[in-house]
């Protein structure tokens, strides 16, 4: 069984389709990387947490849980 190796960190992507979000994803693609989080991770609806792997690795399962106690509030 293969386990993806990636990076997880916080970067304010905002909502999918926004210019800086698209540019960030294009930048990753230029280095053969892909960002996997597609559900909002911020209480105001944007994506704050990202998980990045090489594009030739299997896509990991990403679970985003409803906010409870969070530093994103």
N, C-alpha and C. Protein backbone atom coordinates (compact mmCIF):
# COMPACT_ATOMS: atom_id res chain seq x y z
N UNK A 1 0.85 -1.18 0.00
CA UNK A 1 0.00 0.00 0.00
C UNK A 1 0.89 1.24 0.00
N UNK A 2 0.56 2.18 -0.84
CA UNK A 2 1.31 3.42 -0.95
C UNK A 2 0.66 4.50 -0.08
N UNK A 3 1.49 5.27 0.58
CA UNK A 3 1.00 6.39 1.39
C UNK A 3 1.51 7.68 0.78
N UNK A 4 0.60 8.60 0.47
CA UNK A 4 1.06 9.86 -0.11
C UNK A 4 1.89 10.66 0.88
N UNK A 5 2.86 11.32 0.37
CA UNK A 5 3.66 12.22 1.17
C UNK A 5 3.35 13.62 0.68
N UNK A 6 2.96 14.49 1.58
CA UNK A 6 2.60 15.83 1.15
C UNK A 6 2.85 16.84 2.23
N UNK A 7 2.43 18.05 1.96
CA UNK A 7 2.58 19.15 2.89
C UNK A 7 1.20 19.66 3.26
N UNK A 8 1.02 19.95 4.51
CA UNK A 8 -0.21 20.59 4.96
C UNK A 8 0.15 21.88 5.65
N UNK A 9 -0.49 22.94 5.27
CA UNK A 9 -0.23 24.23 5.91
C UNK A 9 -1.41 25.14 5.66
N UNK A 10 -1.35 26.31 6.23
CA UNK A 10 -2.43 27.27 6.06
C UNK A 10 -2.00 28.35 5.07
N UNK A 11 -2.85 28.56 4.07
CA UNK A 11 -2.64 29.61 3.07
C UNK A 11 -4.03 30.09 2.66
N UNK A 12 -4.32 31.36 2.76
CA UNK A 12 -5.68 31.83 2.50
C UNK A 12 -6.04 31.81 1.01
N UNK A 13 -6.57 30.68 0.54
CA UNK A 13 -6.96 30.57 -0.86
C UNK A 13 -8.28 31.24 -1.17
N UNK A 14 -9.11 31.39 -0.19
CA UNK A 14 -10.42 31.95 -0.48
C UNK A 14 -11.30 30.89 -1.13
N UNK A 15 -12.12 31.29 -2.04
CA UNK A 15 -13.05 30.36 -2.67
C UNK A 15 -12.53 29.94 -4.04
N UNK A 16 -12.83 28.69 -4.46
CA UNK A 16 -12.39 28.23 -5.78
C UNK A 16 -12.86 29.19 -6.88
N UNK A 17 -12.02 29.39 -7.87
CA UNK A 17 -12.36 30.25 -8.99
C UNK A 17 -11.88 31.69 -8.84
N UNK A 18 -11.51 32.09 -7.64
CA UNK A 18 -10.99 33.45 -7.46
C UNK A 18 -9.62 33.55 -8.10
N UNK A 19 -9.26 34.72 -8.64
CA UNK A 19 -8.00 34.85 -9.39
C UNK A 19 -6.76 34.38 -8.63
N UNK A 20 -6.61 34.74 -7.35
CA UNK A 20 -5.40 34.33 -6.65
C UNK A 20 -5.41 32.83 -6.35
N UNK A 21 -6.62 32.23 -6.22
CA UNK A 21 -6.71 30.79 -6.02
C UNK A 21 -6.30 30.06 -7.28
N UNK A 22 -6.79 30.52 -8.42
CA UNK A 22 -6.43 29.93 -9.71
C UNK A 22 -4.93 30.06 -9.94
N UNK A 23 -4.38 31.23 -9.69
CA UNK A 23 -2.94 31.46 -9.89
C UNK A 23 -2.11 30.55 -8.98
N UNK A 24 -2.51 30.40 -7.72
CA UNK A 24 -1.81 29.52 -6.80
C UNK A 24 -1.79 28.08 -7.33
N UNK A 25 -2.95 27.59 -7.79
CA UNK A 25 -3.02 26.23 -8.31
C UNK A 25 -2.21 26.08 -9.60
N UNK A 26 -2.19 27.09 -10.45
CA UNK A 26 -1.36 27.05 -11.67
C UNK A 26 0.12 27.02 -11.31
N UNK A 27 0.51 27.77 -10.29
CA UNK A 27 1.89 27.79 -9.83
C UNK A 27 2.30 26.40 -9.34
N UNK A 28 1.42 25.77 -8.55
CA UNK A 28 1.72 24.41 -8.08
C UNK A 28 1.88 23.45 -9.26
N UNK A 29 0.96 23.54 -10.23
CA UNK A 29 1.01 22.65 -11.40
C UNK A 29 2.30 22.82 -12.17
N UNK A 30 2.85 24.02 -12.21
CA UNK A 30 4.10 24.25 -12.94
C UNK A 30 5.27 23.50 -12.31
N UNK A 31 5.12 23.09 -11.05
CA UNK A 31 6.15 22.31 -10.36
C UNK A 31 5.74 20.85 -10.19
N UNK A 32 4.67 20.45 -10.86
CA UNK A 32 4.22 19.06 -10.77
C UNK A 32 3.55 18.74 -9.44
N UNK A 33 2.89 19.74 -8.85
CA UNK A 33 2.22 19.57 -7.57
C UNK A 33 0.73 19.81 -7.72
N UNK A 34 -0.05 19.28 -6.78
CA UNK A 34 -1.49 19.48 -6.80
C UNK A 34 -1.98 19.70 -5.37
N UNK A 35 -2.96 20.59 -5.21
CA UNK A 35 -3.58 20.91 -3.92
C UNK A 35 -4.89 20.14 -3.86
N UNK A 36 -5.14 19.41 -2.78
CA UNK A 36 -6.26 18.48 -2.73
C UNK A 36 -7.49 18.95 -1.96
N UNK A 37 -7.38 19.97 -1.13
CA UNK A 37 -8.53 20.40 -0.33
C UNK A 37 -9.46 21.22 -1.21
N UNK A 38 -10.73 20.78 -1.29
CA UNK A 38 -11.68 21.50 -2.14
C UNK A 38 -12.90 21.99 -1.36
N UNK A 39 -13.03 21.59 -0.11
CA UNK A 39 -14.14 22.03 0.73
C UNK A 39 -13.69 23.18 1.62
N UNK A 40 -14.59 24.08 1.97
CA UNK A 40 -14.21 25.18 2.85
C UNK A 40 -13.66 24.67 4.19
N UNK A 41 -12.60 25.32 4.66
CA UNK A 41 -12.02 24.98 5.96
C UNK A 41 -12.04 26.18 6.90
N UNK A 42 -12.61 27.27 6.45
CA UNK A 42 -12.72 28.48 7.27
C UNK A 42 -14.19 28.71 7.56
N UNK A 43 -14.48 29.24 8.73
CA UNK A 43 -15.89 29.43 9.11
C UNK A 43 -16.63 30.44 8.21
N UNK A 44 -15.91 31.22 7.41
CA UNK A 44 -16.57 32.14 6.48
C UNK A 44 -16.64 31.59 5.06
N UNK A 45 -16.28 30.32 4.89
CA UNK A 45 -16.51 29.66 3.62
C UNK A 45 -15.33 29.50 2.69
N UNK A 46 -14.19 30.05 3.00
CA UNK A 46 -13.04 29.90 2.12
C UNK A 46 -12.17 28.71 2.50
N UNK A 47 -11.17 28.46 1.69
CA UNK A 47 -10.21 27.40 1.97
C UNK A 47 -8.98 28.04 2.60
N UNK A 48 -8.67 27.63 3.83
CA UNK A 48 -7.50 28.14 4.53
C UNK A 48 -6.43 27.05 4.64
N UNK A 49 -6.86 25.82 4.89
CA UNK A 49 -5.93 24.70 5.03
C UNK A 49 -5.76 24.02 3.68
N UNK A 50 -4.52 23.75 3.32
CA UNK A 50 -4.24 23.07 2.06
C UNK A 50 -3.41 21.82 2.33
N UNK A 51 -3.49 20.86 1.40
CA UNK A 51 -2.65 19.67 1.46
C UNK A 51 -2.14 19.44 0.04
N UNK A 52 -0.83 19.45 -0.12
CA UNK A 52 -0.21 19.42 -1.44
C UNK A 52 0.64 18.16 -1.58
N UNK A 53 0.50 17.49 -2.73
CA UNK A 53 1.35 16.35 -3.05
C UNK A 53 1.86 16.50 -4.47
N UNK A 54 2.79 15.62 -4.84
CA UNK A 54 3.23 15.57 -6.24
C UNK A 54 2.06 15.05 -7.07
N UNK A 55 1.95 15.53 -8.29
CA UNK A 55 0.83 15.16 -9.14
C UNK A 55 0.88 13.71 -9.59
N UNK A 56 2.03 13.05 -9.49
CA UNK A 56 2.12 11.65 -9.90
C UNK A 56 1.83 10.68 -8.75
N UNK A 57 1.43 11.22 -7.60
CA UNK A 57 1.06 10.39 -6.45
C UNK A 57 -0.45 10.20 -6.42
N UNK A 58 -0.92 9.10 -5.81
CA UNK A 58 -2.37 8.92 -5.70
C UNK A 58 -2.99 10.05 -4.86
N UNK A 59 -4.21 10.41 -5.19
CA UNK A 59 -4.90 11.45 -4.42
C UNK A 59 -5.28 10.91 -3.05
N UNK A 60 -4.92 11.62 -2.00
CA UNK A 60 -5.31 11.17 -0.66
C UNK A 60 -6.78 11.49 -0.40
N UNK A 61 -7.37 10.78 0.54
CA UNK A 61 -8.72 11.12 0.97
C UNK A 61 -8.61 12.27 1.96
N UNK A 62 -9.31 13.33 1.69
CA UNK A 62 -9.31 14.51 2.55
C UNK A 62 -10.70 14.65 3.15
N UNK A 63 -10.76 14.69 4.47
CA UNK A 63 -12.02 14.87 5.17
C UNK A 63 -12.00 16.21 5.88
N UNK A 64 -12.99 17.03 5.60
CA UNK A 64 -13.13 18.32 6.26
C UNK A 64 -14.31 18.21 7.20
N UNK A 65 -14.04 18.37 8.49
CA UNK A 65 -15.09 18.25 9.51
C UNK A 65 -15.69 19.63 9.79
N UNK A 66 -16.95 19.60 10.18
CA UNK A 66 -17.63 20.86 10.54
C UNK A 66 -16.89 21.53 11.68
N UNK A 67 -16.78 22.86 11.65
CA UNK A 67 -16.03 23.55 12.71
C UNK A 67 -16.68 23.36 14.08
N UNK A 68 -15.81 23.22 15.06
CA UNK A 68 -16.26 23.23 16.44
C UNK A 68 -15.34 24.18 17.19
N UNK A 69 -14.32 23.68 17.83
CA UNK A 69 -13.33 24.55 18.45
C UNK A 69 -12.19 24.68 17.45
N UNK A 70 -11.96 25.87 16.97
CA UNK A 70 -11.00 26.06 15.90
C UNK A 70 -10.29 27.40 16.04
N UNK A 71 -9.08 27.46 15.50
CA UNK A 71 -8.39 28.73 15.45
C UNK A 71 -8.76 29.51 14.19
N UNK A 72 -9.73 29.02 13.42
CA UNK A 72 -10.16 29.67 12.18
C UNK A 72 -11.42 30.49 12.38
N UNK A 73 -11.86 30.63 13.60
CA UNK A 73 -13.11 31.36 13.86
C UNK A 73 -12.90 32.85 13.84
